Amino acid sequence: MMMKKDDHATTVDRLWYVAQVLPRHEIKVRERLTLLGYEACVPSQKETHRWKNRRTGQVEKIFIPGVVFVRLNDEERNLMVNFPFIKKFLVNRALPVGKVGRAVHPFATYNDEQMTRLQQRMETTAISPELASQYPLEVLESLKPKKQTI
């Protein structure tokens, strides 16, 4: 049984929590959470993909597989743990332990400013549709930012 969130919850005490979901289920989980009235974000962008049979199409590339960002307060997070499509919420092991004598780390959270920067970063890495229509796919692949190797 899934419960819908309360509409009277204030947005001041809401943070973005990092929910772990099954890989390749991120888009579906985002849609379900949106239908339930929660604000959810999956870091992704649309890409033009060419298959072996030379057909092209738009696909949504996920930047962080298995992760959905959900804007919640503490009460909503406690309810969401029981949802079957949420495996767990990630914790921040870099911060000190919350309780004395127990290894209880605080949840990994982001504020609105950090999420805005993440969303802007996703938008700036995308190649514009005007540029995509002028050049073949091989040229566009060379324009994308390369992954840095350590």
Protein backbone atom coordinates (compact mmCIF):
# COMPACT_ATOMS: atom_id res chain seq x y z
CA MET A 1 0.00 0.00 0.00
CA MET A 2 1.50 3.33 -1.08
CA MET A 3 0.63 6.54 0.67
CA LYS A 4 0.61 9.94 -0.93
CA LYS A 5 2.61 12.69 0.71
CA ASP A 6 0.93 15.44 2.70
CA ASP A 7 0.42 18.60 0.68
CA HIS A 8 0.80 20.82 3.74
CA ALA A 9 4.46 19.86 4.32
CA THR A 10 6.72 22.87 4.24
CA THR A 11 9.45 23.14 1.64
CA VAL A 12 11.88 24.76 4.09
CA ASP A 13 12.84 21.54 5.87
CA ARG A 14 13.00 19.46 2.69
CA LEU A 15 16.35 18.26 1.37
CA TRP A 16 17.36 16.19 -1.64
CA TYR A 17 18.09 12.62 -0.53
CA VAL A 18 19.99 10.09 -2.65
CA ALA A 19 17.86 6.96 -3.14
CA GLN A 20 19.39 3.79 -4.52
CA VAL A 21 17.18 1.90 -6.96
CA LEU A 22 17.68 -1.07 -9.27
CA PRO A 23 19.91 -0.29 -12.26
CA ARG A 24 17.97 0.67 -15.41
CA HIS A 25 14.87 1.44 -13.33
CA GLU A 26 15.72 5.10 -12.65
CA ILE A 27 13.27 6.63 -15.16
CA LYS A 28 10.40 4.39 -14.05
CA VAL A 29 11.04 5.18 -10.37
CA ARG A 30 11.13 8.91 -11.15
CA GLU A 31 7.76 8.60 -12.93
CA ARG A 32 6.23 6.65 -10.02
CA LEU A 33 7.47 9.17 -7.45
CA THR A 34 6.13 12.05 -9.55
CA LEU A 35 2.73 10.35 -9.76
CA LEU A 36 2.76 9.99 -5.97
CA GLY A 37 3.40 13.73 -5.63
CA TYR A 38 7.11 13.73 -4.77
CA GLU A 39 9.75 15.81 -6.50
CA ALA A 40 12.38 13.51 -8.08
CA CYS A 41 15.38 14.03 -10.34
CA VAL A 42 17.48 11.62 -12.39
CA PRO A 43 20.73 13.10 -13.74
CA SER A 44 20.44 12.36 -17.45
CA GLN A 45 20.48 13.90 -20.90
CA LYS A 46 19.05 13.08 -24.31
CA GLU A 47 21.52 11.71 -26.83
CA THR A 48 21.32 10.72 -30.47
CA HIS A 49 22.28 7.05 -30.77
CA ARG A 50 23.06 5.11 -33.93
CA TRP A 51 22.46 1.34 -33.89
CA LYS A 52 24.15 -1.32 -36.05
CA ASN A 53 21.36 -1.19 -38.61
CA ARG A 54 22.18 2.53 -39.13
CA ARG A 55 18.97 3.76 -37.55
CA THR A 56 19.23 6.70 -35.21
CA GLY A 57 17.07 7.73 -32.32
CA GLN A 58 16.99 9.72 -29.11
CA VAL A 59 17.92 7.86 -25.92
CA GLU A 60 18.15 9.15 -22.38
CA LYS A 61 21.64 8.57 -20.98
CA ILE A 62 21.78 8.22 -17.19
CA PHE A 63 24.84 9.86 -15.58
CA ILE A 64 24.65 8.05 -12.23
CA PRO A 65 23.19 4.54 -12.68
CA GLY A 66 20.99 3.24 -9.88
CA VAL A 67 20.44 6.65 -8.25
CA VAL A 68 17.40 8.91 -8.00
CA PHE A 69 17.44 12.21 -6.11
CA VAL A 70 14.23 12.78 -4.12
CA ARG A 71 13.21 15.96 -2.30
CA LEU A 72 11.81 14.97 1.11
CA ASN A 73 11.58 15.82 4.76
CA ASP A 74 12.37 13.29 7.52
CA GLU A 75 8.80 12.00 7.86
CA GLU A 76 8.44 11.43 4.13
CA ARG A 77 11.80 9.64 4.01
CA ASN A 78 10.71 7.29 6.80
CA LEU A 79 7.57 6.41 4.79
CA MET A 80 9.48 5.99 1.54
CA VAL A 81 11.77 3.30 2.96
CA ASN A 82 8.82 0.90 2.66
CA PHE A 83 8.33 1.51 -1.09
CA PRO A 84 9.29 -1.64 -3.02
CA PHE A 85 11.17 0.26 -5.74
CA ILE A 86 13.51 2.08 -3.31
CA LYS A 87 16.33 -0.17 -2.11
CA LYS A 88 17.87 2.24 0.41
CA PHE A 89 19.02 5.79 0.99
CA LEU A 90 22.74 6.44 0.71
CA VAL A 91 24.67 7.68 3.73
CA ASN A 92 27.59 10.08 3.95
CA ARG A 93 30.51 8.17 5.43
CA ALA A 94 32.73 11.27 5.31
CA LEU A 95 30.80 12.91 8.16
CA PRO A 96 31.33 11.79 11.75
CA VAL A 97 29.23 9.05 13.29
CA GLY A 98 25.88 10.30 14.61
CA LYS A 99 25.49 8.31 17.82
CA VAL A 100 28.15 7.40 20.35
CA GLY A 101 29.16 3.75 20.22
CA ARG A 102 27.24 2.93 17.04
CA ALA A 103 28.27 3.29 13.43
CA VAL A 104 25.28 5.35 12.33
CA HIS A 105 26.23 7.76 9.56
CA PRO A 106 23.97 10.64 8.49
CA PHE A 107 22.08 10.39 5.20
CA ALA A 108 23.64 11.88 2.08
CA THR A 109 21.68 15.05 1.36
CA TYR A 110 21.91 17.97 -1.04
CA ASN A 111 20.37 21.41 -0.66
CA ASP A 112 18.50 23.27 -3.41
CA GLU A 113 21.57 25.23 -4.51
CA GLN A 114 23.61 22.05 -5.04
CA MET A 115 20.82 20.41 -7.04
CA THR A 116 20.46 23.53 -9.19
CA ARG A 117 24.18 23.39 -9.97
CA LEU A 118 23.90 19.68 -10.84
CA GLN A 119 20.96 20.35 -13.18
CA GLN A 120 22.81 23.27 -14.82
CA ARG A 121 25.84 21.03 -15.30
CA MET A 122 23.66 18.45 -17.06
CA GLU A 123 22.26 21.13 -19.37
CA THR A 124 25.68 22.57 -20.29
CA THR A 125 27.14 19.18 -21.25
CA ALA A 126 24.34 18.56 -23.75
CA ILE A 127 25.00 19.30 -27.44
CA SER A 128 22.47 21.69 -28.93
CA PRO A 129 19.94 20.33 -31.47
CA GLU A 130 21.06 22.93 -34.02
CA LEU A 131 24.62 21.61 -33.84
CA ALA A 132 23.41 18.00 -33.97
CA SER A 133 21.51 18.58 -37.22
CA GLN A 134 24.55 20.10 -38.97
CA TYR A 135 27.17 17.42 -38.30
CA PRO A 136 27.36 13.62 -38.54
CA LEU A 137 27.32 11.52 -35.37
CA GLU A 138 31.08 10.79 -35.45
CA VAL A 139 31.93 14.51 -35.32
CA LEU A 140 29.49 15.11 -32.46
CA GLU A 141 31.02 12.25 -30.43
CA SER A 142 34.42 13.94 -30.69
CA LEU A 143 32.95 17.20 -29.31
CA LYS A 144 31.67 15.64 -26.10
CA PRO A 145 33.73 16.13 -22.93
CA LYS A 146 36.06 13.18 -22.37
CA LYS A 147 36.18 11.23 -19.12
CA GLN A 148 39.28 12.08 -17.13
CA THR A 149 41.55 9.21 -16.25
CA ILE A 150 43.46 9.21 -13.02
